[in-house]
Every structure is written in structure tokens, then in C-alpha cells.
Amino acid sequence: MNRNLRQAHSTYPSVMESRLQALMFPPLSVDGTNFLEWINDAKTQLSAENLARTLITPVASTSVPTNLADNIPEVCKWQALLLLRRHLDQALRLQYLEVDDPADLWAQLHARFHH
């Protein structure tokens, strides 16, 4: 292996370090007992990364302009989805594996756990 390549490779964090760094707050538990705390943490983190607008569903209403939700770049949606999924319990992550829009995932989790 090339010496420079080895040195560059050693500067990257391990998979475990990356996983730990990615968790900015506790994952949503499968029973939803920490839902209110999780939703506040998720909103805060998404807002800090300028991704909160990805949670807007395009609906025809006077309070939410449809074009606001439609003009979100795909990369932002995938970043938000990645952040939300990383902060789900493994069982929840598997249950919502096919949801590929952060606004849909947000709405489904809200419907399930918000009492």
C-alpha cells in the first residue's frame, strides 16, 4: 500500500467513531416514551443545520405555501432523512425503512407517538 494512502486512511475516523459522533441526541425509543424530548432535539438539530424546512409537507393550505416545500433540494431531504433515521431505535429504523421523505417520516412518527 502506498505510504501516502496509508497515512490518509489513518486520518479518517473509524466506523464506530463516526457512528458515535453522528448521534447528537438520544435515539427515539421503540415505545416512544422519549418522543417529546426527541422531537425537540430533532427540530433543534435540523434547524441548526438549516434542514428544518424539509419537514414541511406540500399541502394546499393558506398557512403553508406549497412552493416552499417543493423547492427543497434533494440533497437537503436526504441529509434530514439520514439525521432522523440515525436517531431512531433500531426496531423503529427497520419499521420505517421504506419511508424516503423526511416530512413523511416526521408525520408518521408524530401520528404514532404524539398523544
C-alpha atoms as a PDB file:
ATOM      1  CA  MET A   1       0.000   0.000   0.000  1.00  0.00           C
ATOM      2  CA  ASN A   2       1.263   3.437  -0.861  1.00  0.00           C
ATOM      3  CA  ARG A   3       2.623   5.271   2.204  1.00  0.00           C
ATOM      4  CA  ASN A   4       0.602   8.437   1.476  1.00  0.00           C
ATOM      5  CA  LEU A   5      -2.553   6.406   1.021  1.00  0.00           C
ATOM      6  CA  ARG A   6      -1.940   4.640   4.367  1.00  0.00           C
ATOM      7  CA  GLN A   7      -1.419   7.969   6.124  1.00  0.00           C
ATOM      8  CA  ALA A   8      -4.557   9.461   4.582  1.00  0.00           C
ATOM      9  CA  HIS A   9      -6.558   6.371   5.524  1.00  0.00           C
ATOM     10  CA  SER A  10      -5.393   6.527   9.138  1.00  0.00           C
ATOM     11  CA  THR A  11      -6.689  10.095   9.483  1.00  0.00           C
ATOM     12  CA  TYR A  12     -10.281   9.053   8.794  1.00  0.00           C
ATOM     13  CA  PRO A  13     -12.333   8.177  11.878  1.00  0.00           C
ATOM     14  CA  SER A  14     -13.287   4.558  12.377  1.00  0.00           C
ATOM     15  CA  VAL A  15     -16.832   3.453  11.608  1.00  0.00           C
ATOM     16  CA  MET A  16     -17.607   3.304  15.326  1.00  0.00           C
ATOM     17  CA  GLU A  17     -16.264   6.832  15.910  1.00  0.00           C
ATOM     18  CA  SER A  18     -18.366   8.133  13.015  1.00  0.00           C
ATOM     19  CA  ARG A  19     -21.453   6.414  14.417  1.00  0.00           C
ATOM     20  CA  LEU A  20     -20.927   7.902  17.872  1.00  0.00           C
ATOM     21  CA  GLN A  21     -20.279  11.377  16.512  1.00  0.00           C
ATOM     22  CA  ALA A  22     -23.437  11.199  14.424  1.00  0.00           C
ATOM     23  CA  LEU A  23     -25.661  10.790  17.492  1.00  0.00           C
ATOM     24  CA  MET A  24     -26.255  14.317  18.707  1.00  0.00           C
ATOM     25  CA  PHE A  25     -29.122  13.286  20.991  1.00  0.00           C
ATOM     26  CA  PRO A  26     -30.640  10.023  22.277  1.00  0.00           C
ATOM     27  CA  PRO A  27     -32.493   7.902  19.716  1.00  0.00           C
ATOM     28  CA  LEU A  28     -36.277   7.694  19.767  1.00  0.00           C
ATOM     29  CA  SER A  29     -37.152   4.615  21.795  1.00  0.00           C
ATOM     30  CA  VAL A  30     -39.353   1.954  20.268  1.00  0.00           C
ATOM     31  CA  ASP A  31     -42.116   2.620  22.807  1.00  0.00           C
ATOM     32  CA  GLY A  32     -41.989   6.381  22.222  1.00  0.00           C
ATOM     33  CA  THR A  33     -41.500   7.283  25.889  1.00  0.00           C
ATOM     34  CA  ASN A  34     -38.959   9.961  24.953  1.00  0.00           C
ATOM     35  CA  PHE A  35     -40.909  11.296  21.964  1.00  0.00           C
ATOM     36  CA  LEU A  36     -41.390  14.866  23.216  1.00  0.00           C
ATOM     37  CA  GLU A  37     -37.707  15.218  24.092  1.00  0.00           C
ATOM     38  CA  TRP A  38     -36.700  13.546  20.799  1.00  0.00           C
ATOM     39  CA  ILE A  39     -38.911  15.770  18.652  1.00  0.00           C
ATOM     40  CA  ASN A  40     -37.499  18.916  20.288  1.00  0.00           C
ATOM     41  CA  ASP A  41     -33.922  17.675  19.863  1.00  0.00           C
ATOM     42  CA  ALA A  42     -34.564  16.688  16.245  1.00  0.00           C
ATOM     43  CA  LYS A  43     -36.143  20.060  15.402  1.00  0.00           C
ATOM     44  CA  THR A  44     -33.262  21.892  17.051  1.00  0.00           C
ATOM     45  CA  GLN A  45     -30.631  19.878  15.216  1.00  0.00           C
ATOM     46  CA  LEU A  46     -32.409  20.166  11.862  1.00  0.00           C
ATOM     47  CA  SER A  47     -32.787  23.915  12.380  1.00  0.00           C
ATOM     48  CA  ALA A  48     -29.108  24.263  13.279  1.00  0.00           C
ATOM     49  CA  GLU A  49     -28.198  22.517  10.036  1.00  0.00           C
ATOM     50  CA  ASN A  50     -30.727  24.594   8.050  1.00  0.00           C
ATOM     51  CA  LEU A  51     -32.779  21.481   7.267  1.00  0.00           C
ATOM     52  CA  ALA A  52     -35.974  22.155   9.244  1.00  0.00           C
ATOM     53  CA  ARG A  53     -37.822  23.130   6.062  1.00  0.00           C
ATOM     54  CA  THR A  54     -37.544  19.504   4.897  1.00  0.00           C
ATOM     55  CA  LEU A  55     -40.266  18.624   7.408  1.00  0.00           C
ATOM     56  CA  ILE A  56     -42.858  20.753   5.605  1.00  0.00           C
ATOM     57  CA  THR A  57     -45.322  18.665   3.658  1.00  0.00           C
ATOM     58  CA  PRO A  58     -46.606  20.211   0.443  1.00  0.00           C
ATOM     59  CA  VAL A  59     -50.281  20.771   1.218  1.00  0.00           C
ATOM     60  CA  ALA A  60     -52.769  23.155  -0.259  1.00  0.00           C
ATOM     61  CA  SER A  61     -53.428  25.458   2.683  1.00  0.00           C
ATOM     62  CA  THR A  62     -53.181  29.129   3.361  1.00  0.00           C
ATOM     63  CA  SER A  63     -50.665  28.727   6.188  1.00  0.00           C
ATOM     64  CA  VAL A  64     -48.012  26.741   4.246  1.00  0.00           C
ATOM     65  CA  PRO A  65     -47.168  27.824   0.712  1.00  0.00           C
ATOM     66  CA  THR A  66     -46.873  24.733  -1.492  1.00  0.00           C
ATOM     67  CA  ASN A  67     -43.845  26.084  -3.343  1.00  0.00           C
ATOM     68  CA  LEU A  68     -41.873  26.336  -0.070  1.00  0.00           C
ATOM     69  CA  ALA A  69     -41.895  22.558   0.339  1.00  0.00           C
ATOM     70  CA  ASP A  70     -41.492  21.872  -3.371  1.00  0.00           C
ATOM     71  CA  ASN A  71     -38.279  23.902  -3.769  1.00  0.00           C
ATOM     72  CA  ILE A  72     -36.179  21.950  -1.270  1.00  0.00           C
ATOM     73  CA  PRO A  73     -33.058  20.434  -2.860  1.00  0.00           C
ATOM     74  CA  GLU A  74     -32.946  16.638  -2.838  1.00  0.00           C
ATOM     75  CA  VAL A  75     -29.626  16.653  -1.001  1.00  0.00           C
ATOM     76  CA  CYS A  76     -31.254  18.502   1.914  1.00  0.00           C
ATOM     77  CA  LYS A  77     -34.057  15.957   2.087  1.00  0.00           C
ATOM     78  CA  TRP A  78     -31.577  13.063   2.170  1.00  0.00           C
ATOM     79  CA  GLN A  79     -29.457  14.781   4.836  1.00  0.00           C
ATOM     80  CA  ALA A  80     -32.515  15.325   7.019  1.00  0.00           C
ATOM     81  CA  LEU A  81     -33.696  11.763   6.488  1.00  0.00           C
ATOM     82  CA  LEU A  82     -30.267  10.441   7.424  1.00  0.00           C
ATOM     83  CA  LEU A  83     -30.221  12.509  10.613  1.00  0.00           C
ATOM     84  CA  LEU A  84     -33.714  11.365  11.625  1.00  0.00           C
ATOM     85  CA  ARG A  85     -33.021   7.701  10.898  1.00  0.00           C
ATOM     86  CA  ARG A  86     -29.762   7.733  12.845  1.00  0.00           C
ATOM     87  CA  HIS A  87     -31.696   8.923  15.863  1.00  0.00           C
ATOM     88  CA  LEU A  88     -34.258   6.110  15.822  1.00  0.00           C
ATOM     89  CA  ASP A  89     -34.122   2.902  17.793  1.00  0.00           C
ATOM     90  CA  GLN A  90     -33.028   0.022  15.535  1.00  0.00           C
ATOM     91  CA  ALA A  91     -36.514  -1.552  15.603  1.00  0.00           C
ATOM     92  CA  LEU A  92     -38.124   1.742  14.532  1.00  0.00           C
ATOM     93  CA  ARG A  93     -35.493   2.217  11.847  1.00  0.00           C
ATOM     94  CA  LEU A  94     -36.445  -1.145  10.349  1.00  0.00           C
ATOM     95  CA  GLN A  95     -40.182  -0.381  10.555  1.00  0.00           C
ATOM     96  CA  TYR A  96     -39.764   2.893   8.665  1.00  0.00           C
ATOM     97  CA  LEU A  97     -37.063   1.731   6.282  1.00  0.00           C
ATOM     98  CA  GLU A  98     -39.151   2.324   3.162  1.00  0.00           C
ATOM     99  CA  VAL A  99     -40.084   5.907   4.057  1.00  0.00           C
ATOM    100  CA  ASP A 100     -37.815   8.031   1.881  1.00  0.00           C
ATOM    101  CA  ASP A 101     -39.074  11.528   2.622  1.00  0.00           C
ATOM    102  CA  PRO A 102     -38.244  13.280   5.910  1.00  0.00           C
ATOM    103  CA  ALA A 103     -41.628  15.034   6.024  1.00  0.00           C
ATOM    104  CA  ASP A 104     -43.420  11.685   5.667  1.00  0.00           C
ATOM    105  CA  LEU A 105     -41.274  10.059   8.344  1.00  0.00           C
ATOM    106  CA  TRP A 106     -41.843  13.022  10.654  1.00  0.00           C
ATOM    107  CA  ALA A 107     -45.619  12.874  10.107  1.00  0.00           C
ATOM    108  CA  GLN A 108     -45.800   9.106  10.628  1.00  0.00           C
ATOM    109  CA  LEU A 109     -43.784   9.231  13.847  1.00  0.00           C
ATOM    110  CA  HIS A 110     -45.854  12.171  15.063  1.00  0.00           C
ATOM    111  CA  ALA A 111     -49.097  10.302  14.336  1.00  0.00           C
ATOM    112  CA  ARG A 112     -47.816   7.198  16.119  1.00  0.00           C
ATOM    113  CA  PHE A 113     -46.354   8.711  19.280  1.00  0.00           C
ATOM    114  CA  HIS A 114     -47.972  12.105  19.866  1.00  0.00           C
ATOM    115  CA  HIS A 115     -50.837  11.524  22.264  1.00  0.00           C
END
